[in-house]
N, C-alpha and C. Protein backbone atom coordinates (compact mmCIF):
# COMPACT_ATOMS: atom_id res chain seq x y z
N UNK A 1 -76.25 -6.69 3.41
CA UNK A 1 -75.31 -7.02 4.47
C UNK A 1 -75.31 -5.89 5.50
N UNK A 2 -75.44 -6.23 6.76
CA UNK A 2 -75.44 -5.23 7.82
C UNK A 2 -74.02 -4.83 8.19
N UNK A 3 -73.84 -3.50 8.46
CA UNK A 3 -72.49 -3.04 8.73
C UNK A 3 -72.41 -1.99 9.83
N UNK A 4 -73.31 -1.96 10.80
CA UNK A 4 -73.17 -1.05 11.93
C UNK A 4 -72.33 -1.76 12.96
N UNK A 5 -71.24 -1.14 13.39
CA UNK A 5 -70.28 -1.84 14.24
C UNK A 5 -70.14 -1.17 15.59
N UNK A 6 -69.99 -1.98 16.61
CA UNK A 6 -69.51 -1.51 17.90
C UNK A 6 -68.27 -2.35 18.13
N UNK A 7 -67.15 -1.73 18.13
CA UNK A 7 -65.87 -2.42 18.13
C UNK A 7 -65.76 -3.17 16.81
N UNK A 8 -65.97 -4.50 16.79
CA UNK A 8 -65.80 -5.24 15.55
C UNK A 8 -67.04 -6.00 15.10
N UNK A 9 -68.17 -5.85 15.79
CA UNK A 9 -69.35 -6.63 15.40
C UNK A 9 -70.18 -5.89 14.35
N UNK A 10 -70.47 -6.52 13.23
CA UNK A 10 -71.29 -5.94 12.16
C UNK A 10 -72.76 -6.19 12.45
N UNK A 11 -73.56 -5.09 12.49
CA UNK A 11 -74.98 -5.29 12.76
C UNK A 11 -75.95 -4.41 11.99
N UNK A 12 -75.55 -3.49 11.10
CA UNK A 12 -76.46 -2.73 10.23
C UNK A 12 -75.65 -2.05 9.13
N UNK A 13 -76.31 -1.38 8.18
CA UNK A 13 -75.57 -0.85 7.03
C UNK A 13 -75.92 0.59 6.72
N UNK A 14 -74.97 1.30 6.13
CA UNK A 14 -75.23 2.62 5.59
C UNK A 14 -75.50 2.47 4.10
N UNK A 15 -76.11 3.48 3.47
CA UNK A 15 -76.50 3.32 2.07
C UNK A 15 -75.32 3.06 1.15
N UNK A 16 -74.17 3.61 1.42
CA UNK A 16 -73.01 3.41 0.55
C UNK A 16 -72.12 2.26 1.02
N UNK A 17 -72.62 1.47 1.93
CA UNK A 17 -71.91 0.29 2.44
C UNK A 17 -70.67 0.63 3.25
N UNK A 18 -70.50 1.88 3.64
CA UNK A 18 -69.41 2.24 4.53
C UNK A 18 -69.78 1.78 5.93
N UNK A 19 -68.90 1.07 6.60
CA UNK A 19 -69.23 0.59 7.95
C UNK A 19 -69.53 1.73 8.91
N UNK A 20 -70.58 1.55 9.69
CA UNK A 20 -70.92 2.48 10.76
C UNK A 20 -70.40 1.87 12.05
N UNK A 21 -69.87 2.71 12.92
CA UNK A 21 -69.34 2.22 14.19
C UNK A 21 -69.97 3.01 15.33
N UNK A 22 -70.43 2.29 16.36
CA UNK A 22 -70.89 2.93 17.59
C UNK A 22 -69.71 2.90 18.54
N UNK A 23 -69.29 4.10 18.97
CA UNK A 23 -68.10 4.21 19.81
C UNK A 23 -68.38 5.13 20.99
N UNK A 24 -67.72 4.90 22.11
CA UNK A 24 -67.84 5.84 23.23
C UNK A 24 -67.24 7.19 22.83
N UNK A 25 -67.92 8.27 23.17
CA UNK A 25 -67.38 9.61 22.89
C UNK A 25 -66.13 9.84 23.73
N UNK A 26 -65.17 10.49 23.13
CA UNK A 26 -63.92 10.84 23.80
C UNK A 26 -63.86 12.35 23.97
N UNK A 27 -62.94 12.81 24.77
CA UNK A 27 -62.82 14.24 25.06
C UNK A 27 -62.72 15.07 23.77
N UNK A 28 -61.99 14.57 22.80
CA UNK A 28 -61.84 15.31 21.54
C UNK A 28 -63.13 15.36 20.72
N UNK A 29 -64.16 14.62 21.11
CA UNK A 29 -65.46 14.63 20.44
C UNK A 29 -66.42 15.67 21.02
N UNK A 30 -65.97 16.44 21.99
CA UNK A 30 -66.86 17.35 22.71
C UNK A 30 -67.63 18.28 21.78
N UNK A 31 -66.97 18.92 20.83
CA UNK A 31 -67.67 19.87 19.95
C UNK A 31 -68.66 19.15 19.04
N UNK A 32 -68.36 17.93 18.67
CA UNK A 32 -69.29 17.13 17.86
C UNK A 32 -70.53 16.78 18.68
N UNK A 33 -70.33 16.40 19.93
CA UNK A 33 -71.46 16.12 20.83
C UNK A 33 -72.35 17.35 20.94
N UNK A 34 -71.74 18.50 21.11
CA UNK A 34 -72.50 19.75 21.23
C UNK A 34 -73.28 20.02 19.95
N UNK A 35 -72.66 19.83 18.80
CA UNK A 35 -73.34 20.08 17.52
C UNK A 35 -74.54 19.14 17.34
N UNK A 36 -74.37 17.86 17.64
CA UNK A 36 -75.48 16.90 17.48
C UNK A 36 -76.60 17.17 18.47
N UNK A 37 -76.25 17.49 19.71
CA UNK A 37 -77.25 17.82 20.72
C UNK A 37 -78.01 19.08 20.31
N UNK A 38 -77.29 20.05 19.76
CA UNK A 38 -77.93 21.27 19.27
C UNK A 38 -78.90 20.98 18.13
N UNK A 39 -78.51 20.11 17.21
CA UNK A 39 -79.40 19.74 16.10
C UNK A 39 -80.66 19.05 16.62
N UNK A 40 -80.49 18.16 17.59
CA UNK A 40 -81.64 17.48 18.20
C UNK A 40 -82.61 18.49 18.80
N UNK A 41 -82.09 19.41 19.59
CA UNK A 41 -82.98 20.34 20.27
C UNK A 41 -83.49 21.46 19.37
N UNK A 42 -82.79 21.74 18.29
CA UNK A 42 -83.33 22.66 17.29
C UNK A 42 -84.61 22.05 16.72
N UNK A 43 -84.55 20.75 16.40
CA UNK A 43 -85.74 20.06 15.89
C UNK A 43 -86.83 19.99 16.96
N UNK A 44 -86.47 19.57 18.18
CA UNK A 44 -87.46 19.46 19.25
C UNK A 44 -88.15 20.80 19.53
N UNK A 45 -87.39 21.88 19.50
CA UNK A 45 -88.02 23.18 19.78
C UNK A 45 -88.88 23.65 18.62
N UNK A 46 -88.68 23.10 17.43
CA UNK A 46 -89.60 23.41 16.32
C UNK A 46 -90.94 22.72 16.53
N UNK A 47 -90.95 21.63 17.30
CA UNK A 47 -92.19 20.93 17.63
C UNK A 47 -92.87 21.53 18.85
N UNK A 48 -92.06 22.01 19.80
CA UNK A 48 -92.59 22.60 21.03
C UNK A 48 -91.57 23.64 21.51
N UNK A 49 -91.94 24.92 21.48
CA UNK A 49 -90.99 25.97 21.84
C UNK A 49 -90.46 25.86 23.27
N UNK A 50 -91.11 25.09 24.12
CA UNK A 50 -90.63 24.92 25.50
C UNK A 50 -89.34 24.10 25.57
N UNK A 51 -88.95 23.51 24.45
CA UNK A 51 -87.70 22.75 24.40
C UNK A 51 -86.53 23.57 23.87
N UNK A 52 -86.74 24.88 23.69
CA UNK A 52 -85.64 25.74 23.26
C UNK A 52 -84.55 25.73 24.34
N UNK A 53 -83.32 25.67 23.90
CA UNK A 53 -82.20 25.62 24.82
C UNK A 53 -81.87 27.02 25.34
N UNK A 54 -81.29 27.08 26.53
CA UNK A 54 -80.92 28.35 27.14
C UNK A 54 -79.75 28.97 26.37
N UNK A 55 -79.49 30.24 26.63
CA UNK A 55 -78.37 30.91 26.00
C UNK A 55 -77.03 30.29 26.40
N UNK A 56 -76.98 29.66 27.56
CA UNK A 56 -75.73 29.08 28.08
C UNK A 56 -75.61 27.58 27.80
N UNK A 57 -76.50 27.01 27.01
CA UNK A 57 -76.55 25.55 26.90
C UNK A 57 -75.23 24.94 26.43
N UNK A 58 -74.54 25.59 25.52
CA UNK A 58 -73.30 25.00 25.00
C UNK A 58 -72.25 24.87 26.10
N UNK A 59 -72.06 25.92 26.88
CA UNK A 59 -71.05 25.83 27.95
C UNK A 59 -71.48 24.85 29.03
N UNK A 60 -72.78 24.80 29.32
CA UNK A 60 -73.28 23.83 30.32
C UNK A 60 -73.09 22.39 29.84
N UNK A 61 -73.42 22.13 28.58
CA UNK A 61 -73.24 20.77 28.04
C UNK A 61 -71.75 20.42 27.95
N UNK A 62 -70.94 21.37 27.53
CA UNK A 62 -69.49 21.13 27.45
C UNK A 62 -68.95 20.74 28.83
N UNK A 63 -69.37 21.48 29.86
CA UNK A 63 -68.92 21.18 31.22
C UNK A 63 -69.40 19.79 31.65
N UNK A 64 -70.68 19.48 31.41
CA UNK A 64 -71.22 18.17 31.78
C UNK A 64 -70.49 17.05 31.05
N UNK A 65 -70.27 17.22 29.76
CA UNK A 65 -69.58 16.19 28.99
C UNK A 65 -68.16 15.98 29.52
N UNK A 66 -67.41 17.06 29.67
CA UNK A 66 -66.01 16.93 30.13
C UNK A 66 -65.93 16.30 31.51
N UNK A 67 -66.93 16.55 32.33
CA UNK A 67 -66.95 16.00 33.69
C UNK A 67 -67.39 14.53 33.73
N UNK A 68 -68.27 14.12 32.78
CA UNK A 68 -68.89 12.79 32.92
C UNK A 68 -68.63 11.81 31.78
N UNK A 69 -67.92 12.19 30.73
CA UNK A 69 -67.81 11.28 29.58
C UNK A 69 -67.14 9.95 29.93
N UNK A 70 -66.39 9.89 31.00
CA UNK A 70 -65.76 8.64 31.41
C UNK A 70 -66.35 8.09 32.71
N UNK A 71 -67.38 8.71 33.22
CA UNK A 71 -67.98 8.26 34.48
C UNK A 71 -68.84 7.01 34.26
N UNK A 72 -68.83 6.09 35.20
CA UNK A 72 -69.58 4.84 35.03
C UNK A 72 -71.11 5.01 35.07
N UNK A 73 -71.61 6.14 35.55
CA UNK A 73 -73.06 6.33 35.62
C UNK A 73 -73.62 7.09 34.42
N UNK A 74 -72.78 7.36 33.43
CA UNK A 74 -73.23 8.09 32.24
C UNK A 74 -72.65 7.43 31.00
N UNK A 75 -73.46 7.39 29.95
CA UNK A 75 -73.02 6.79 28.69
C UNK A 75 -73.16 7.82 27.58
N UNK A 76 -72.09 8.09 26.87
CA UNK A 76 -72.05 9.01 25.75
C UNK A 76 -71.57 8.19 24.55
N UNK A 77 -72.46 7.93 23.59
CA UNK A 77 -72.09 7.15 22.41
C UNK A 77 -72.26 7.96 21.14
N UNK A 78 -71.36 7.71 20.19
CA UNK A 78 -71.43 8.34 18.87
C UNK A 78 -71.51 7.26 17.81
N UNK A 79 -72.17 7.58 16.72
CA UNK A 79 -72.19 6.70 15.55
C UNK A 79 -71.35 7.39 14.49
N UNK A 80 -70.33 6.67 14.01
CA UNK A 80 -69.40 7.25 13.04
C UNK A 80 -69.40 6.46 11.74
N UNK A 81 -69.30 7.20 10.65
CA UNK A 81 -69.07 6.65 9.32
C UNK A 81 -67.74 7.25 8.89
N UNK A 82 -66.69 6.46 9.00
CA UNK A 82 -65.36 7.02 8.75
C UNK A 82 -65.10 8.13 9.76
N UNK A 83 -64.80 9.34 9.27
CA UNK A 83 -64.54 10.46 10.17
C UNK A 83 -65.79 11.30 10.43
N UNK A 84 -66.91 10.96 9.79
CA UNK A 84 -68.16 11.71 9.98
C UNK A 84 -68.97 11.10 11.12
N UNK A 85 -69.51 11.94 12.00
CA UNK A 85 -70.37 11.47 13.10
C UNK A 85 -71.82 11.71 12.71
N UNK A 86 -72.64 10.64 12.78
CA UNK A 86 -74.03 10.72 12.30
C UNK A 86 -75.05 10.37 13.38
N UNK A 87 -74.61 10.12 14.60
CA UNK A 87 -75.57 9.79 15.65
C UNK A 87 -75.00 10.02 17.03
N UNK A 88 -75.92 10.20 17.98
CA UNK A 88 -75.56 10.48 19.37
C UNK A 88 -76.57 9.82 20.30
N UNK A 89 -76.06 9.22 21.36
CA UNK A 89 -76.91 8.73 22.45
C UNK A 89 -76.27 9.20 23.75
N UNK A 90 -77.09 9.81 24.61
CA UNK A 90 -76.67 10.15 25.96
C UNK A 90 -77.63 9.43 26.90
N UNK A 91 -77.09 8.62 27.78
CA UNK A 91 -77.91 7.90 28.76
C UNK A 91 -77.25 8.04 30.13
N UNK A 92 -78.07 7.97 31.16
CA UNK A 92 -77.53 8.12 32.52
C UNK A 92 -78.35 7.30 33.49
N UNK A 93 -77.70 6.89 34.56
CA UNK A 93 -78.42 6.23 35.64
C UNK A 93 -79.16 7.31 36.41
N UNK A 94 -80.44 7.12 36.55
CA UNK A 94 -81.30 8.07 37.27
C UNK A 94 -81.73 7.44 38.59
N UNK A 95 -81.59 8.19 39.66
CA UNK A 95 -82.03 7.73 40.97
C UNK A 95 -83.10 8.67 41.50
N UNK A 96 -84.27 8.13 41.75
CA UNK A 96 -85.41 8.90 42.24
C UNK A 96 -85.39 8.99 43.76
N UNK A 97 -86.36 9.61 44.31
CA UNK A 97 -86.50 9.79 45.76
C UNK A 97 -86.53 8.45 46.48
N UNK A 98 -85.98 8.38 47.70
CA UNK A 98 -86.04 7.15 48.49
C UNK A 98 -87.47 6.79 48.91
N UNK A 99 -88.41 7.67 48.64
CA UNK A 99 -89.82 7.36 48.92
C UNK A 99 -90.33 6.22 48.03
N UNK A 100 -89.68 6.02 46.88
CA UNK A 100 -90.15 5.03 45.91
C UNK A 100 -89.34 3.75 45.96
N UNK A 101 -90.02 2.62 45.82
CA UNK A 101 -89.38 1.31 45.82
C UNK A 101 -88.55 1.12 44.55
N UNK A 102 -89.13 1.43 43.40
CA UNK A 102 -88.44 1.26 42.11
C UNK A 102 -87.87 2.62 41.71
N UNK A 103 -86.72 2.93 42.25
CA UNK A 103 -86.24 4.30 42.16
C UNK A 103 -85.00 4.50 41.30
N UNK A 104 -84.53 3.46 40.65
CA UNK A 104 -83.34 3.62 39.83
C UNK A 104 -83.55 2.99 38.46
N UNK A 105 -83.13 3.71 37.42
CA UNK A 105 -83.27 3.22 36.05
C UNK A 105 -82.26 3.95 35.18
N UNK A 106 -82.17 3.52 33.94
CA UNK A 106 -81.38 4.25 32.94
C UNK A 106 -82.34 5.14 32.19
N UNK A 107 -81.95 6.39 32.08
CA UNK A 107 -82.75 7.35 31.31
C UNK A 107 -81.99 7.73 30.05
N UNK A 108 -82.64 7.58 28.91
CA UNK A 108 -82.08 8.06 27.66
C UNK A 108 -82.33 9.56 27.63
N UNK A 109 -81.27 10.33 27.75
CA UNK A 109 -81.38 11.79 27.83
C UNK A 109 -81.39 12.44 26.46
N UNK A 110 -80.76 11.79 25.48
CA UNK A 110 -80.74 12.32 24.12
C UNK A 110 -80.48 11.18 23.15
N UNK A 111 -81.18 11.21 22.04
CA UNK A 111 -80.97 10.26 20.95
C UNK A 111 -81.16 11.02 19.65
N UNK A 112 -80.12 11.05 18.84
CA UNK A 112 -80.17 11.80 17.58
C UNK A 112 -79.48 11.00 16.50
N UNK A 113 -80.12 10.96 15.32
CA UNK A 113 -79.53 10.36 14.13
C UNK A 113 -79.66 11.40 13.01
N UNK A 114 -78.56 11.65 12.33
CA UNK A 114 -78.57 12.63 11.23
C UNK A 114 -79.59 12.21 10.17
N UNK A 115 -80.25 13.18 9.55
CA UNK A 115 -81.26 12.86 8.53
C UNK A 115 -80.78 11.91 7.45
N UNK A 116 -79.51 11.98 7.08
CA UNK A 116 -78.96 11.11 6.03
C UNK A 116 -78.91 9.65 6.43
N UNK A 117 -79.04 9.36 7.73
CA UNK A 117 -78.90 7.98 8.20
C UNK A 117 -80.14 7.47 8.94
N UNK A 118 -81.22 8.20 8.84
CA UNK A 118 -82.47 7.75 9.48
C UNK A 118 -83.10 6.63 8.65
N UNK A 119 -83.88 5.81 9.34
CA UNK A 119 -84.57 4.72 8.66
C UNK A 119 -83.68 3.53 8.35
N UNK A 120 -82.49 3.50 8.91
CA UNK A 120 -81.54 2.42 8.64
C UNK A 120 -81.24 1.57 9.87
N UNK A 121 -82.00 1.78 10.95
CA UNK A 121 -81.79 1.00 12.16
C UNK A 121 -80.77 1.57 13.12
N UNK A 122 -80.24 2.76 12.85
CA UNK A 122 -79.22 3.34 13.71
C UNK A 122 -79.78 3.63 15.09
N UNK A 123 -80.97 4.24 15.16
CA UNK A 123 -81.58 4.53 16.46
C UNK A 123 -81.82 3.24 17.24
N UNK A 124 -82.27 2.20 16.54
CA UNK A 124 -82.51 0.91 17.20
C UNK A 124 -81.21 0.36 17.81
N UNK A 125 -80.12 0.48 17.07
CA UNK A 125 -78.84 -0.02 17.58
C UNK A 125 -78.35 0.80 18.76
N UNK A 126 -78.53 2.12 18.70
CA UNK A 126 -78.15 2.95 19.84
C UNK A 126 -78.97 2.56 21.07
N UNK A 127 -80.26 2.34 20.90
CA UNK A 127 -81.09 1.91 22.03
C UNK A 127 -80.65 0.54 22.54
N UNK A 128 -80.31 -0.36 21.63
CA UNK A 128 -79.82 -1.68 22.07
C UNK A 128 -78.56 -1.54 22.91
N UNK A 129 -77.70 -0.59 22.57
CA UNK A 129 -76.50 -0.34 23.38
C UNK A 129 -76.90 0.17 24.77
N UNK A 130 -77.91 1.03 24.83
CA UNK A 130 -78.39 1.53 26.13
C UNK A 130 -78.96 0.39 26.96
N UNK A 131 -79.69 -0.53 26.32
CA UNK A 131 -80.26 -1.67 27.07
C UNK A 131 -79.14 -2.55 27.63
N UNK A 132 -78.14 -2.80 26.80
CA UNK A 132 -77.02 -3.64 27.26
C UNK A 132 -76.28 -2.96 28.40
N UNK A 133 -76.11 -1.66 28.30
CA UNK A 133 -75.43 -0.91 29.36
C UNK A 133 -76.25 -0.96 30.64
N UNK A 134 -77.57 -0.77 30.53
CA UNK A 134 -78.45 -0.85 31.71
C UNK A 134 -78.33 -2.23 32.36
N UNK A 135 -78.37 -3.28 31.55
CA UNK A 135 -78.27 -4.63 32.09
C UNK A 135 -76.92 -4.84 32.78
N UNK A 136 -75.85 -4.27 32.20
CA UNK A 136 -74.52 -4.42 32.82
C UNK A 136 -74.44 -3.70 34.17
N UNK A 137 -75.33 -2.74 34.39
CA UNK A 137 -75.39 -2.01 35.66
C UNK A 137 -76.41 -2.63 36.62
N UNK A 138 -77.03 -3.75 36.19
CA UNK A 138 -78.01 -4.42 37.03
C UNK A 138 -79.37 -3.72 37.03
N UNK A 139 -79.62 -2.88 36.03
CA UNK A 139 -80.88 -2.15 35.95
C UNK A 139 -81.77 -2.76 34.88
N UNK A 140 -83.05 -2.87 35.20
CA UNK A 140 -83.98 -3.55 34.30
C UNK A 140 -84.99 -2.61 33.65
N UNK A 141 -84.78 -1.32 33.79
CA UNK A 141 -85.73 -0.37 33.22
C UNK A 141 -84.99 0.76 32.52
N UNK A 142 -85.48 1.10 31.33
CA UNK A 142 -84.97 2.24 30.57
C UNK A 142 -86.16 3.14 30.29
N UNK A 143 -85.99 4.43 30.54
CA UNK A 143 -87.05 5.41 30.33
C UNK A 143 -86.51 6.54 29.47
N UNK A 144 -87.43 7.30 28.88
CA UNK A 144 -87.05 8.48 28.11
C UNK A 144 -88.25 9.40 28.00
N UNK A 145 -87.97 10.61 27.59
CA UNK A 145 -89.02 11.59 27.29
C UNK A 145 -89.02 11.80 25.80
N UNK A 146 -90.20 11.96 25.23
CA UNK A 146 -90.32 12.25 23.80
C UNK A 146 -91.40 13.31 23.63
N UNK A 147 -91.15 14.26 22.76
CA UNK A 147 -92.13 15.29 22.48
C UNK A 147 -93.38 14.64 21.91
N UNK A 148 -94.53 15.03 22.42
CA UNK A 148 -95.79 14.39 22.03
C UNK A 148 -96.03 14.42 20.53
N UNK A 149 -95.58 15.45 19.84
CA UNK A 149 -95.83 15.57 18.40
C UNK A 149 -94.70 15.00 17.54
N UNK A 150 -93.70 14.39 18.15
CA UNK A 150 -92.60 13.81 17.39
C UNK A 150 -92.97 12.38 16.99
N UNK A 151 -93.77 12.27 15.95
CA UNK A 151 -94.30 10.96 15.52
C UNK A 151 -93.19 10.00 15.10
N UNK A 152 -92.17 10.51 14.44
CA UNK A 152 -91.09 9.63 13.98
C UNK A 152 -90.40 8.96 15.17
N UNK A 153 -90.04 9.76 16.18
CA UNK A 153 -89.37 9.20 17.35
C UNK A 153 -90.32 8.29 18.12
N UNK A 154 -91.56 8.70 18.28
CA UNK A 154 -92.53 7.86 19.00
C UNK A 154 -92.68 6.50 18.33
N UNK A 155 -92.65 6.49 17.00
CA UNK A 155 -92.76 5.23 16.26
C UNK A 155 -91.57 4.32 16.55
N UNK A 156 -90.36 4.88 16.56
CA UNK A 156 -89.16 4.09 16.87
C UNK A 156 -89.27 3.51 18.28
N UNK A 157 -89.66 4.34 19.23
CA UNK A 157 -89.74 3.88 20.62
C UNK A 157 -90.82 2.82 20.79
N UNK A 158 -91.94 2.97 20.11
CA UNK A 158 -93.00 1.97 20.18
C UNK A 158 -92.52 0.64 19.59
N UNK A 159 -91.81 0.71 18.45
CA UNK A 159 -91.24 -0.50 17.85
C UNK A 159 -90.28 -1.19 18.81
N UNK A 160 -89.61 -0.42 19.64
CA UNK A 160 -88.65 -0.95 20.60
C UNK A 160 -89.31 -1.46 21.88
N UNK A 161 -90.63 -1.30 22.00
CA UNK A 161 -91.33 -1.83 23.17
C UNK A 161 -91.59 -0.82 24.28
N UNK A 162 -91.28 0.45 24.03
CA UNK A 162 -91.60 1.47 25.03
C UNK A 162 -93.11 1.69 25.07
N UNK A 163 -93.62 1.97 26.25
CA UNK A 163 -95.05 2.25 26.42
C UNK A 163 -95.19 3.53 27.24
N UNK A 164 -96.23 4.27 26.98
CA UNK A 164 -96.49 5.48 27.74
C UNK A 164 -96.94 5.08 29.14
N UNK A 165 -96.24 5.62 30.14
CA UNK A 165 -96.59 5.31 31.54
C UNK A 165 -96.97 6.55 32.32
N UNK A 166 -96.70 7.71 31.77
CA UNK A 166 -97.03 8.99 32.39
C UNK A 166 -97.28 9.99 31.29
N UNK A 167 -97.98 11.05 31.63
CA UNK A 167 -98.14 12.16 30.69
C UNK A 167 -97.80 13.44 31.45
N UNK A 168 -97.09 14.31 30.78
CA UNK A 168 -96.82 15.62 31.36
C UNK A 168 -97.90 16.56 30.84
N UNK A 169 -98.59 17.17 31.75
CA UNK A 169 -99.63 18.12 31.37
C UNK A 169 -99.14 19.52 31.68
N UNK A 170 -99.40 20.44 30.76
CA UNK A 170 -98.89 21.79 30.91
C UNK A 170 -100.02 22.78 30.73
N UNK A 171 -100.03 23.79 31.56
CA UNK A 171 -100.96 24.91 31.42
C UNK A 171 -100.12 26.17 31.43
N UNK A 172 -100.27 26.97 30.40
CA UNK A 172 -99.57 28.24 30.34
C UNK A 172 -100.47 29.31 30.95
N UNK A 173 -99.95 29.99 31.93
CA UNK A 173 -100.72 31.04 32.61
C UNK A 173 -100.50 32.36 31.89
N UNK A 174 -101.56 33.18 31.86
CA UNK A 174 -101.44 34.46 31.16
C UNK A 174 -100.89 35.52 32.05
């Protein structure tokens, strides 16, 4: 039986059958958002040191969250099992240069699921929430960045229908 909930709809399950709920982050969730974002980037920087966060990242993220958690152009979602938070999605409307015809989309800025809840469809449900949010904003495209060596995340995104459309090439100068 599936038990991942957004409000009252059941759509996936946790191993112990405790209902999971996808909820908008609230101001009192700020430190939890910071902890989950930190865990995500700790892992990402283990794959590529260029993803290491700055010394000021916590205060910068705290400021961004407090300023935008209720703004219509940003989505901050948490996955909760009772009082425990096991997932995070940050998405935002991105507007590119007016030089481009297709210049607005939703960008998934962060997606994290705690190791204890991976492989249970939580990431898929968070992405489905991002798609629904994009559609509610009249946007038909969702984009994201993924570390090239993050096979687990790339697999989830491929299953969801994402395709590589660009590559970032890097040269380190001596």
